[in-house]
Amino acid sequence: MLQGITRQLGRMKEMLSDLRKNDYAHGRGEKYAIAHGRDLKNLLSGELVLLASPDTMPLFLRKYNAKGLLQYVKRERVHKGHGDIIACLDESASTEGENAAWGKALALAVQDVCAHEGRKYALIHFSGADELRTDRFLPGQYTADDLLSAAEHFFDGGTDFETPLREALRMINEEEFENADILFITDGRCAVSDGLAGQMQEAIQNARCTVICLLLDADSPGMMCGVERFSERLLRLSDMTKDDAEAAVWRI
């Protein structure tokens, strides 16, 4: 799996570099990027031209149905001034294979972003209730071997959401990861107790954290996972391409 992670990570870093170069200011300093979709009000003029001729109308409709039209995407609100990030990565047996390699590469690419911007980053690997590992990547306090160890690790067990979420809350409360964004990556369905959901909602309301859930549900469109109860943003691979999901995550 490490070879797959390395290949994906290299591609993601290239994409990130391109996104940074292609971002531009608009209006009163608002930031925009370009992505694929079918939001008619944000289409590039080059796509709208396809509507002007009966010969190109079928191409427009095909691209619309496939969510493949080029459109402007308003840069997402920057949470807490580009704060620290805690990534919770599902390493259950069901993610084994392509999803596992892609998810791990994405988590490490986010770490690379944090490293370049001087932000603290933590990667919480999780699976079953007793399977948890936390890797901390504080500015200037980790090595290449630490990154390799995180890349190689994989639990291959069951699925429990409460253990990683409680660990994320503990880090926010005890390890100065306050005002962090929590990126939760999973392909699984798992309940979250009302008590823990309440604690998460309280932390969010007090502006101590923000939760973004990336649901790898391409094979099960519309599935619910439990974390959506308190996620500010829910990104579904059933609704977007992996490239679009990566672009959305870069803007955390």
Protein backbone atom coordinates (compact mmCIF):
# COMPACT_ATOMS: atom_id res chain seq x y z
CA MET A 1 0.00 0.00 0.00
CA LEU A 2 2.95 2.34 0.64
CA GLN A 3 3.72 2.53 -3.08
CA GLY A 4 0.14 3.56 -3.80
CA ILE A 5 0.27 6.20 -1.06
CA THR A 6 3.53 7.61 -2.44
CA ARG A 7 2.11 7.81 -5.97
CA GLN A 8 -1.09 9.51 -4.81
CA LEU A 9 0.77 11.87 -2.50
CA GLY A 10 3.04 13.04 -5.30
CA ARG A 11 0.04 13.76 -7.52
CA MET A 12 -1.77 15.59 -4.72
CA LYS A 13 1.22 17.81 -4.00
CA GLU A 14 1.41 18.73 -7.69
CA MET A 15 -2.31 19.53 -7.67
CA LEU A 16 -1.91 21.65 -4.54
CA SER A 17 0.92 23.60 -6.17
CA ASP A 18 -1.26 24.23 -9.24
CA LEU A 19 -4.20 25.37 -7.10
CA ARG A 20 -2.00 27.85 -5.26
CA LYS A 21 -0.76 29.26 -8.58
CA ASN A 22 -4.25 29.45 -10.11
CA ASP A 23 -6.03 31.12 -7.20
CA TYR A 24 -6.69 34.78 -7.93
CA ALA A 25 -8.31 37.76 -6.29
CA HIS A 26 -11.82 38.79 -7.30
CA GLY A 27 -13.87 41.81 -6.30
CA ARG A 28 -12.92 43.00 -2.84
CA GLY A 29 -10.16 40.47 -2.37
CA GLU A 30 -12.45 37.42 -2.39
CA LYS A 31 -10.64 34.29 -3.51
CA TYR A 32 -11.85 31.95 -6.25
CA ALA A 33 -10.71 28.69 -7.81
CA ILE A 34 -11.92 26.61 -10.75
CA ALA A 35 -13.57 23.20 -10.37
CA HIS A 36 -15.94 20.84 -12.18
CA GLY A 37 -19.67 20.83 -11.42
CA ARG A 38 -23.01 22.05 -12.69
CA ASP A 39 -23.75 25.19 -10.72
CA LEU A 40 -25.24 27.29 -13.53
CA LYS A 41 -24.78 30.65 -11.82
CA ASN A 42 -21.01 30.13 -11.50
CA LEU A 43 -20.16 28.71 -14.94
CA LEU A 44 -17.18 30.00 -16.89
CA SER A 45 -18.16 32.01 -19.95
CA GLY A 46 -16.53 29.40 -22.18
CA GLU A 47 -19.06 26.83 -20.97
CA LEU A 48 -22.00 29.19 -21.43
CA VAL A 49 -21.00 29.66 -25.07
CA LEU A 50 -21.98 26.02 -25.66
CA LEU A 51 -25.60 27.06 -25.13
CA ALA A 52 -25.48 29.49 -28.05
CA SER A 53 -25.51 26.88 -30.82
CA PRO A 54 -27.70 23.81 -31.46
CA ASP A 55 -24.52 21.99 -32.50
CA THR A 56 -22.86 22.42 -29.10
CA MET A 57 -25.97 22.16 -26.92
CA PRO A 58 -25.66 18.30 -26.65
CA LEU A 59 -22.08 18.69 -25.40
CA PHE A 60 -23.26 21.14 -22.74
CA LEU A 61 -25.98 18.73 -21.61
CA ARG A 62 -23.55 15.80 -21.43
CA LYS A 63 -21.14 17.83 -19.33
CA TYR A 64 -24.00 19.07 -17.15
CA ASN A 65 -25.26 15.53 -16.45
CA ALA A 66 -21.73 14.38 -15.63
CA LYS A 67 -21.07 17.41 -13.38
CA GLY A 68 -18.19 18.21 -15.69
CA LEU A 69 -18.77 21.88 -16.46
CA LEU A 70 -16.01 24.30 -15.49
CA GLN A 71 -17.20 26.74 -12.85
CA TYR A 72 -15.90 29.31 -10.44
CA VAL A 73 -15.88 28.15 -6.83
CA LYS A 74 -15.79 30.73 -4.11
CA ARG A 75 -12.99 30.05 -1.70
CA GLU A 76 -14.48 28.59 1.45
CA ARG A 77 -14.55 30.64 4.62
CA VAL A 78 -11.19 30.36 6.35
CA HIS A 79 -11.89 28.84 9.76
CA LYS A 80 -10.18 30.42 12.77
CA GLY A 81 -7.54 32.12 10.61
CA HIS A 82 -6.00 28.99 9.12
CA GLY A 83 -5.72 27.20 12.44
CA ASP A 84 -4.41 23.80 13.45
CA ILE A 85 -5.82 20.60 11.98
CA ILE A 86 -6.64 17.26 13.58
CA ALA A 87 -7.32 14.55 10.99
CA CYS A 88 -9.20 11.40 12.05
CA LEU A 89 -8.46 8.69 9.49
CA ASP A 90 -10.54 5.51 9.25
CA GLU A 91 -8.22 2.50 8.98
CA SER A 92 -10.87 -0.20 9.28
CA ALA A 93 -10.71 -3.30 7.09
CA SER A 94 -13.39 -1.94 4.74
CA THR A 95 -11.06 0.88 3.59
CA GLU A 96 -8.33 -1.54 2.51
CA GLY A 97 -7.05 -1.02 -1.02
CA GLU A 98 -7.56 2.09 -3.13
CA ASN A 99 -9.60 3.97 -0.51
CA ALA A 100 -6.99 3.30 2.17
CA ALA A 101 -4.13 4.55 -0.02
CA TRP A 102 -6.06 7.61 -1.17
CA GLY A 103 -7.23 8.53 2.34
CA LYS A 104 -3.75 8.17 3.80
CA ALA A 105 -2.21 10.20 0.97
CA LEU A 106 -4.82 12.91 1.50
CA ALA A 107 -4.10 13.03 5.24
CA LEU A 108 -0.36 13.34 4.58
CA ALA A 109 -0.92 16.00 1.92
CA VAL A 110 -2.87 18.06 4.47
CA GLN A 111 0.07 17.60 6.83
CA ASP A 112 2.34 19.00 4.14
CA VAL A 113 0.10 22.07 3.82
CA CYS A 114 0.27 22.62 7.59
CA ALA A 115 4.06 22.23 7.56
CA HIS A 116 4.44 24.91 4.89
CA GLU A 117 2.13 27.28 6.78
CA GLY A 118 3.55 26.68 10.28
CA ARG A 119 0.35 25.09 11.59
CA LYS A 120 0.13 22.22 14.07
CA TYR A 121 -1.19 18.95 12.69
CA ALA A 122 -2.22 15.68 14.29
CA LEU A 123 -3.19 12.44 12.56
CA ILE A 124 -5.47 10.14 14.57
CA HIS A 125 -5.51 6.64 13.08
CA PHE A 126 -8.59 4.71 14.19
CA SER A 127 -10.44 1.48 13.65
CA GLY A 128 -12.13 -0.53 16.44
CA ALA A 129 -12.90 0.80 19.92
CA ASP A 130 -9.46 -0.20 21.25
CA GLU A 131 -7.50 0.70 18.12
CA LEU A 132 -6.15 4.24 18.21
CA ARG A 133 -2.85 5.88 17.38
CA THR A 134 -2.08 9.60 17.35
CA ASP A 135 0.84 11.08 15.41
CA ARG A 136 1.68 14.72 16.16
CA PHE A 137 3.43 16.88 13.60
CA LEU A 138 4.33 20.10 15.37
CA PRO A 139 6.35 22.71 13.44
CA GLY A 140 10.01 21.70 13.48
CA GLN A 141 9.45 18.75 15.85
CA TYR A 142 9.21 15.69 13.60
CA THR A 143 11.37 13.78 11.12
CA ALA A 144 10.96 12.07 7.76
CA ASP A 145 10.90 8.76 9.67
CA ASP A 146 7.87 10.00 11.62
CA LEU A 147 6.06 10.66 8.34
CA LEU A 148 7.05 7.26 6.96
CA SER A 149 5.82 5.54 10.12
CA ALA A 150 2.45 7.28 9.82
CA ALA A 151 2.21 6.32 6.15
CA GLU A 152 2.95 2.65 6.83
CA HIS A 153 0.51 2.24 9.70
CA PHE A 154 -2.85 0.51 9.08
CA PHE A 155 -5.09 -1.11 11.72
CA ASP A 156 -7.29 -3.32 9.48
CA GLY A 157 -9.94 -3.77 12.18
CA GLY A 158 -13.53 -2.77 12.92
CA THR A 159 -15.06 0.71 13.05
CA ASP A 160 -15.68 2.95 16.06
CA PHE A 161 -16.14 6.72 15.76
CA GLU A 162 -16.33 7.65 19.43
CA THR A 163 -12.73 6.78 20.30
CA PRO A 164 -11.11 9.13 17.72
CA LEU A 165 -13.62 11.91 18.38
CA ARG A 166 -12.96 11.77 22.13
CA GLU A 167 -9.23 11.85 21.41
CA ALA A 168 -9.70 14.91 19.21
CA LEU A 169 -11.65 16.65 21.98
CA ARG A 170 -8.96 15.71 24.50
CA MET A 171 -6.27 17.24 22.28
CA ILE A 172 -8.29 20.44 21.92
CA ASN A 173 -8.74 20.61 25.70
CA GLU A 174 -5.30 19.47 26.83
CA GLU A 175 -2.73 19.86 24.04
CA GLU A 176 -3.29 23.41 22.80
CA PHE A 177 -5.03 22.39 19.59
CA GLU A 178 -7.72 24.90 20.42
CA ASN A 179 -9.67 26.39 17.51
CA ALA A 180 -8.70 23.41 15.38
CA ASP A 181 -10.42 22.05 12.31
CA ILE A 182 -11.23 18.34 12.65
CA LEU A 183 -11.10 16.50 9.32
CA PHE A 184 -12.91 13.17 9.67
CA ILE A 185 -12.28 10.69 6.82
CA THR A 186 -14.32 7.49 6.76
CA ASP A 187 -16.17 5.04 4.53
CA GLY A 188 -18.26 3.58 7.32
CA ARG A 189 -21.59 3.79 9.09
CA CYS A 190 -21.23 4.11 12.84
CA ALA A 191 -23.42 5.65 15.52
CA VAL A 192 -22.28 8.48 17.77
CA SER A 193 -23.91 8.68 21.19
CA ASP A 194 -26.08 11.67 22.07
CA GLY A 195 -23.68 12.52 24.89
CA LEU A 196 -20.63 12.75 22.65
CA ALA A 197 -22.60 14.51 19.91
CA GLY A 198 -23.61 17.10 22.52
CA GLN A 199 -19.98 17.60 23.57
CA MET A 200 -18.96 18.09 19.94
CA GLN A 201 -21.76 20.57 19.32
CA GLU A 202 -20.82 22.51 22.46
CA ALA A 203 -17.18 22.72 21.35
CA ILE A 204 -18.29 23.91 17.92
CA GLN A 205 -20.67 26.51 19.36
CA ASN A 206 -17.87 27.83 21.57
CA ALA A 207 -15.72 28.22 18.43
CA ARG A 208 -13.18 25.74 19.75
CA CYS A 209 -13.33 23.49 16.72
CA THR A 210 -14.97 22.90 13.34
CA VAL A 211 -15.77 19.44 11.95
CA ILE A 212 -15.48 18.59 8.26
CA CYS A 213 -16.48 15.05 7.31
CA LEU A 214 -15.24 13.42 4.12
CA LEU A 215 -17.43 10.41 3.42
CA LEU A 216 -16.03 7.80 1.03
CA ASP A 217 -19.48 6.71 -0.09
CA ALA A 218 -18.98 6.31 -3.84
CA ASP A 219 -20.25 2.72 -3.57
CA SER A 220 -23.11 3.64 -1.20
CA PRO A 221 -24.50 7.03 -2.27
CA GLY A 222 -26.52 8.80 0.38
CA MET A 223 -25.33 6.71 3.31
CA MET A 224 -25.31 8.37 6.73
CA CYS A 225 -22.34 7.96 9.06
CA GLY A 226 -23.22 9.60 12.39
CA VAL A 227 -20.65 12.40 12.19
CA GLU A 228 -22.89 14.42 9.88
CA ARG A 229 -24.96 15.35 12.96
CA PHE A 230 -22.38 17.96 13.94
CA SER A 231 -20.34 18.48 10.77
CA GLU A 232 -20.25 22.00 9.37
CA ARG A 233 -19.43 20.52 5.98
CA LEU A 234 -20.13 17.03 4.65
CA LEU A 235 -18.16 16.12 1.52
CA ARG A 236 -19.43 13.02 -0.28
CA LEU A 237 -17.44 11.19 -2.92
CA SER A 238 -20.80 10.11 -4.35
CA ASP A 239 -21.39 13.79 -5.22
CA MET A 240 -17.95 14.77 -6.51
CA THR A 241 -14.75 13.48 -8.01
CA LYS A 242 -11.72 12.79 -5.88
CA ASP A 243 -10.00 15.78 -7.47
CA ASP A 244 -12.87 18.03 -6.36
CA ALA A 245 -12.80 16.52 -2.86
CA GLU A 246 -9.06 17.18 -2.63
CA ALA A 247 -9.55 20.77 -3.77
CA ALA A 248 -12.21 21.29 -1.10
CA VAL A 249 -10.01 19.83 1.63
CA TRP A 250 -7.05 22.06 0.65
CA ARG A 251 -9.12 25.07 1.65
CA ILE A 252 -9.54 24.05 5.28
